[in-house]
Protein backbone atom coordinates (compact mmCIF):
# COMPACT_ATOMS: atom_id res chain seq x y z
CA MET A 1 0.00 0.00 0.00
CA SER A 2 1.00 3.63 -0.49
CA PHE A 3 1.82 6.00 2.35
CA SER A 4 -1.51 7.80 1.72
CA SER A 5 -3.37 4.51 2.02
CA ASP A 6 -1.62 3.73 5.29
CA CYS A 7 -2.62 7.17 6.64
CA LYS A 8 -6.25 6.65 5.64
CA GLU A 9 -6.38 3.14 7.09
CA GLU A 10 -5.17 4.59 10.39
CA LEU A 11 -7.79 7.36 10.32
CA ILE A 12 -10.61 4.94 9.50
CA ARG A 13 -9.79 2.95 12.63
CA ILE A 14 -10.48 5.98 14.85
CA ARG A 15 -13.76 5.53 16.70
CA VAL A 16 -15.54 8.87 16.74
CA LYS A 17 -18.04 8.71 19.59
CA SER A 18 -19.45 12.24 19.27
CA ALA A 19 -22.33 12.48 16.78
CA GLU A 20 -21.37 16.10 16.11
CA GLN A 21 -17.81 15.14 15.16
CA ARG A 22 -19.07 12.27 13.01
CA LEU A 23 -21.18 14.84 11.17
CA CYS A 24 -18.15 17.08 10.70
CA GLN A 25 -16.12 14.18 9.35
CA LEU A 26 -18.96 13.19 7.01
CA SER A 27 -19.14 16.82 5.86
CA GLY A 28 -15.44 16.80 4.99
CA MET A 29 -15.86 13.62 2.97
CA THR A 30 -18.99 14.99 1.27
CA LEU A 31 -17.36 18.26 0.18
CA THR A 32 -14.38 16.43 -1.33
CA ALA A 33 -15.65 13.04 -2.60
CA GLY A 34 -19.40 13.66 -2.79
CA GLY A 35 -21.78 14.48 -5.60
CA ILE A 36 -25.55 14.92 -6.06
CA ARG A 37 -27.90 13.22 -8.49
CA ILE A 38 -31.08 15.16 -9.18
CA SER A 39 -34.19 13.20 -10.15
CA ARG A 40 -37.64 13.08 -8.56
CA ARG A 41 -35.83 12.92 -5.25
CA PRO A 42 -32.16 13.84 -4.97
CA SER A 43 -29.59 11.26 -3.92
CA LEU A 44 -26.00 11.61 -2.78
CA PHE A 45 -23.03 9.61 -4.02
CA TYR A 46 -19.31 9.41 -3.20
CA HIS A 47 -16.38 8.17 -5.29
CA THR A 48 -13.17 6.82 -3.75
CA GLU A 49 -10.36 4.50 -4.74
CA SER A 50 -10.42 2.78 -1.35
CA PRO A 51 -13.03 0.13 -0.50
CA ALA A 52 -12.32 0.71 3.19
CA THR A 53 -13.05 4.44 2.82
CA ALA A 54 -16.26 3.64 0.92
CA LYS A 55 -17.49 1.40 3.74
CA HIS A 56 -16.46 4.04 6.28
CA ILE A 57 -18.53 6.73 4.52
CA ALA A 58 -21.56 4.47 4.47
CA SER A 59 -21.08 3.49 8.12
CA ILE A 60 -20.90 7.09 9.38
CA ALA A 61 -23.84 8.22 7.24
CA LEU A 62 -26.04 5.36 8.50
CA SER A 63 -25.05 6.08 12.11
CA LEU A 64 -26.49 9.61 11.76
CA TYR A 65 -29.39 9.37 9.32
CA ASP A 66 -32.26 7.14 8.27
CA ALA A 67 -30.88 6.34 4.83
CA ASP A 68 -30.18 3.50 2.45
CA ALA A 69 -26.58 2.89 1.44
CA VAL A 70 -25.16 0.86 -1.45
CA VAL A 71 -21.43 0.34 -2.03
CA GLU A 72 -20.41 -0.77 -5.53
CA GLU A 73 -17.13 -1.40 -7.31
CA LYS A 74 -17.01 0.24 -10.73
CA ARG A 75 -14.56 -0.13 -13.58
CA VAL A 76 -13.72 3.08 -15.40
CA GLU A 77 -12.21 3.26 -18.87
CA HIS A 78 -8.54 4.28 -18.97
CA ARG A 79 -8.10 3.57 -15.25
CA ARG A 80 -6.13 0.56 -14.05
CA ARG A 81 -7.76 0.52 -10.64
CA PRO A 82 -11.50 0.46 -9.98
CA ILE A 83 -13.34 3.15 -8.07
CA TYR A 84 -15.86 2.49 -5.33
CA GLU A 85 -19.17 4.31 -5.31
CA VAL A 86 -21.29 4.86 -2.24
CA SER A 87 -24.91 5.77 -3.03
CA LEU A 88 -27.09 7.25 -0.28
CA ALA A 89 -30.85 7.69 -0.58
CA GLY A 90 -33.87 7.50 1.70
CA ALA A 91 -36.10 9.51 3.96
CA GLU A 92 -33.46 11.78 5.50
CA ILE A 93 -31.17 12.27 2.54
CA GLU A 94 -32.16 15.92 2.05
CA ARG A 95 -31.44 16.66 5.72
CA LEU A 96 -28.08 14.92 5.33
CA MET A 97 -27.24 17.14 2.35
CA ARG A 98 -28.25 20.31 4.18
CA GLU A 99 -26.36 19.47 7.35
CA THR A 100 -23.15 18.38 5.59
CA GLY A 101 -23.09 21.44 3.33
CA ALA A 102 -23.74 19.47 0.15
CA MET A 103 -26.80 21.62 -0.55
CA THR A 104 -27.18 25.07 1.02
CA PRO A 105 -29.85 27.73 0.33
CA GLY A 106 -28.72 30.81 -1.58
CA GLU A 107 -30.24 33.89 -3.21
CA ASN A 108 -30.86 32.09 -6.50
CA GLY A 109 -31.88 28.71 -5.17
CA PHE A 110 -29.68 26.01 -3.69
CA ARG A 111 -25.90 26.04 -3.98
CA LEU A 112 -24.15 22.68 -4.25
CA MET A 113 -20.95 21.74 -2.40
CA ASN A 114 -20.28 25.42 -1.77
CA GLU A 115 -20.15 25.98 1.99
CA ILE A 116 -18.72 24.30 5.09
CA PRO A 117 -21.46 23.93 7.72
CA ALA A 118 -21.16 26.10 10.82
CA VAL A 119 -20.89 23.08 13.12
CA ALA A 120 -17.45 22.33 11.68
CA PHE A 121 -16.15 25.59 13.20
CA ALA A 122 -17.80 25.10 16.61
CA SER A 123 -14.75 23.61 18.36
CA GLU A 124 -11.17 22.51 17.72
CA ASP A 125 -12.25 18.86 17.84
CA ASN A 126 -14.90 19.55 15.21
CA LYS A 127 -12.33 21.26 12.98
CA ARG A 128 -10.02 18.25 13.32
CA ALA A 129 -12.88 15.91 12.44
CA PHE A 130 -13.79 17.99 9.39
CA LEU A 131 -10.20 18.11 8.12
CA ARG A 132 -9.90 14.36 8.73
CA GLY A 133 -12.94 13.85 6.52
CA CYS A 134 -11.47 16.10 3.82
CA PHE A 135 -8.30 14.03 3.74
CA LEU A 136 -10.22 10.76 3.63
CA GLY A 137 -12.39 12.03 0.80
CA GLY A 138 -9.94 13.95 -1.33
CA GLY A 139 -6.48 13.93 0.19
CA SER A 140 -3.09 12.42 -0.47
CA CYS A 141 0.33 12.46 1.16
CA VAL A 142 3.57 11.71 -0.67
CA ASP A 143 5.78 8.96 0.73
CA PRO A 144 8.29 10.89 2.90
CA LYS A 145 11.13 8.84 1.38
CA ARG A 146 10.45 10.72 -1.86
CA GLY A 147 9.61 14.14 -0.44
CA TYR A 148 7.14 16.10 1.67
CA HIS A 149 3.79 17.03 0.18
CA PHE A 150 0.27 16.90 1.64
CA GLU A 151 -2.80 17.98 -0.30
CA MET A 152 -6.60 17.94 -0.30
CA ILE A 153 -8.73 18.61 -3.40
CA PHE A 154 -11.95 20.65 -3.32
CA ARG A 155 -14.51 21.47 -6.00
CA ALA A 156 -15.46 24.89 -4.63
CA LYS A 157 -13.02 27.74 -3.96
CA THR A 158 -15.14 28.96 -1.04
CA VAL A 159 -14.71 25.61 0.69
CA ALA A 160 -10.99 25.47 -0.13
CA ASP A 161 -10.47 29.00 1.25
CA ALA A 162 -12.29 28.08 4.46
CA ALA A 163 -10.19 24.91 4.82
CA VAL A 164 -7.02 26.98 4.43
CA ALA A 165 -8.20 29.35 7.19
CA MET A 166 -9.12 26.39 9.38
CA MET A 167 -5.63 24.88 9.01
CA GLN A 168 -4.02 28.24 9.69
CA ASP A 169 -5.97 28.36 12.95
CA PHE A 170 -3.71 25.44 13.95
CA TYR A 171 -0.59 27.33 12.77
CA LEU A 172 -0.25 25.20 9.64
CA PRO A 173 0.81 27.41 6.67
CA ALA A 174 -1.61 25.91 4.13
CA ARG A 175 -1.54 27.26 0.57
CA LEU A 176 -4.02 27.15 -2.28
CA SER A 177 -3.49 26.41 -5.97
CA VAL A 178 -5.77 25.63 -8.91
CA ARG A 179 -5.51 22.50 -11.05
CA ASN A 180 -7.21 22.02 -14.41
CA GLY A 181 -9.20 25.20 -13.83
CA ASP A 182 -11.83 23.63 -11.57
CA ARG A 183 -9.98 21.81 -8.80
CA TYR A 184 -8.76 23.75 -5.77
CA ILE A 185 -5.73 22.22 -4.06
CA VAL A 186 -4.99 22.97 -0.41
CA TYR A 187 -1.45 21.83 0.30
CA LEU A 188 1.54 21.77 2.66
CA LYS A 189 5.15 21.36 1.50
CA GLU A 190 7.44 21.25 4.55
CA GLY A 191 8.15 18.11 6.57
CA ASP A 192 7.30 19.76 9.90
CA ASP A 193 3.96 20.96 8.56
CA VAL A 194 3.02 17.63 6.96
CA SER A 195 3.76 15.65 10.12
CA GLY A 196 1.91 18.28 12.16
CA MET A 197 -1.15 17.95 9.93
CA LEU A 198 -1.14 14.14 10.14
CA ALA A 199 -0.93 14.32 13.92
CA LEU A 200 -3.69 16.95 14.01
CA ILE A 201 -6.22 14.77 12.18
CA GLY A 202 -5.34 11.67 14.20
CA ALA A 203 -2.78 9.81 12.04
CA SER A 204 -0.20 9.74 14.86
CA SER A 205 1.56 6.56 13.71
CA SER A 206 1.92 7.94 10.19
CA ALA A 207 3.26 11.21 11.58
CA LEU A 208 5.81 9.26 13.62
CA ALA A 209 6.81 7.21 10.56
CA LEU A 210 7.36 10.45 8.65
CA GLU A 211 9.49 11.88 11.46
CA ASN A 212 11.61 8.69 11.50
CA VAL A 213 12.28 9.12 7.79
CA ARG A 214 13.17 12.78 8.37
CA VAL A 215 15.68 11.80 11.08
CA GLU A 216 17.29 9.24 8.74
CA LYS A 217 17.47 11.81 5.93
CA ASP A 218 18.97 14.44 8.23
CA MET A 219 21.56 11.95 9.46
CA ARG A 220 22.53 10.97 5.91
CA ASN A 221 22.77 14.63 4.92
CA TYR A 222 24.93 15.36 7.96
CA ILE A 223 27.27 12.46 7.12
CA ASN A 224 27.48 13.61 3.50
CA ARG A 225 28.22 17.19 4.53
CA THR A 226 30.86 16.00 6.98
CA ASN A 227 32.48 13.75 4.37
CA ASN A 228 32.45 16.57 1.82
CA CYS A 229 33.99 18.93 4.33
CA GLU A 230 36.66 16.40 5.27
CA THR A 231 37.39 15.74 1.60
CA ALA A 232 37.69 19.47 0.92
CA ASN A 233 40.02 19.90 3.88
CA LEU A 234 42.09 16.94 2.71
CA ASP A 235 42.33 18.45 -0.77
CA LYS A 236 43.53 21.74 0.72
CA GLN A 237 46.04 19.88 2.87
CA VAL A 238 47.45 18.01 -0.16
CA VAL A 239 47.77 21.22 -2.21
CA ALA A 240 49.46 23.03 0.69
CA SER A 241 51.90 20.16 1.22
CA ILE A 242 52.85 20.11 -2.48
CA ARG A 243 53.46 23.86 -2.46
CA GLN A 244 55.56 23.59 0.70
CA GLN A 245 57.67 20.75 -0.77
CA LYS A 246 58.18 22.75 -3.96
CA ALA A 247 59.31 25.76 -1.90
CA ILE A 248 61.76 23.62 0.10
CA MET A 249 63.21 22.17 -3.11
CA THR A 250 63.69 25.72 -4.45
CA ILE A 251 65.51 26.74 -1.27
CA ASP A 252 67.70 23.65 -1.36
CA LYS A 253 68.60 24.29 -5.00
CA ARG A 254 69.41 27.98 -4.50
CA ILE A 255 71.10 28.17 -1.08
CA GLY A 256 70.83 24.70 0.45
CA ILE A 257 68.67 23.64 3.36
CA ARG A 258 71.74 23.41 5.60
CA SER A 259 72.15 27.17 5.39
CA LEU A 260 68.80 27.73 7.13
CA PRO A 261 68.34 28.37 10.84
CA ALA A 262 67.93 25.15 12.83
CA SER A 263 64.18 25.69 13.35
CA LEU A 264 63.54 26.10 9.61
CA GLN A 265 65.85 23.20 8.77
CA GLN A 266 63.81 20.97 11.07
CA ALA A 267 60.47 22.08 9.56
CA ALA A 268 61.81 21.56 6.00
CA MET A 269 63.21 18.09 6.74
CA LEU A 270 60.00 17.00 8.47
CA ARG A 271 57.85 18.16 5.55
CA ILE A 272 60.04 16.36 2.98
CA ALA A 273 60.10 13.20 5.12
CA HIS A 274 56.34 13.25 5.83
CA PRO A 275 54.53 14.73 2.77
CA ASP A 276 51.10 13.42 3.85
CA ALA A 277 51.29 14.62 7.46
CA THR A 278 49.07 17.45 8.72
CA VAL A 279 50.56 20.59 10.21
CA GLN A 280 49.38 19.37 13.61
CA GLU A 281 51.24 16.08 13.13
CA LEU A 282 54.42 17.91 12.02
CA ALA A 283 54.16 20.15 15.08
CA GLU A 284 53.93 17.11 17.37
CA MET A 285 57.02 15.59 15.72
CA ALA A 286 58.89 18.84 16.33
CA ASP A 287 57.48 19.15 19.86
CA ILE A 288 56.11 22.64 19.21
CA GLN A 289 52.68 24.26 18.95
CA LYS A 290 50.69 23.96 15.74
CA SER A 291 50.87 27.75 15.27
CA GLY A 292 54.67 27.54 15.50
CA MET A 293 54.85 24.97 12.71
CA TYR A 294 52.50 27.10 10.58
CA HIS A 295 54.83 30.05 11.11
CA ARG A 296 57.94 28.07 10.10
CA LEU A 297 56.34 26.65 6.96
CA ASP A 298 55.09 30.12 6.04
CA ARG A 299 58.63 31.51 6.40
CA LEU A 300 59.92 28.77 4.10
CA MET A 301 57.27 29.68 1.51
CA LYS A 302 58.16 33.38 1.65
CA LEU A 303 61.88 32.68 1.43
CA ALA A 304 61.36 30.50 -1.65
CA GLY A 305 59.33 33.33 -3.23
CA GLU A 306 62.11 35.85 -2.57
CA LEU A 307 64.73 33.49 -4.04
CA GLU A 308 62.66 32.98 -7.19
CA ASP A 309 62.22 36.75 -7.62
CA SER A 310 65.91 37.50 -7.17
């Protein structure tokens, strides 16, 4: 299964005891995965790729309303995987549509899927339940091994804008984009924000799994940075050693190493004898401070430059 599927399986297992929160969750699923069929009496349907989510929608709807529910698997042309359709009808279907926001009265008749019901804003728990429903109905989350991206798809911009505001109430910097001209995408891009959102809607295990991946990635990045730094330092050390050896050879050719003061003679002989040694290691061999060895090698370099210019 995908990471998104794992998240949704975890959310479906949550037992929502409060009827008000079940309504908020059903509203979230309705405003993302739901649709309305108009005939003599309207009916409500939902489309999802997950059979477990389909059964969950039907279960919550039947726990709240006197309705008939049918779950069917449907094959769609040009799709490898089937979709699952939940059809709801019955005596209280119109009340269900009003209370979930599927059908709300407006100036020019009813508006469809256009407004989040007020109950979803009544408490923080209700907001969480609503956002959980939105993710179950129209959300996805990229596998953290590949990157960090969380999104939920809405049909109405008014609903998407309200969902963004709701997430920002929890200090999650949600953003909005448009896809194909008629799909409104509410999304998060940073690892901290994605794990925070998963924890907020109740997918704690998935949030923990994401954080574990982040720790592994951070550790690998740290090791890579350290190795790169060490490699760069080693490269600098090799270049410096070659330049120092070249300078010593110039001095020896022009005036002879034996003509140097004892301290510089020692530094020159140590560098020639130990070309791969660090300055610290040369200093320890000479029983002096590292800064002292730097100073002696620098004097040798300057002397070689003066001899070449003369």
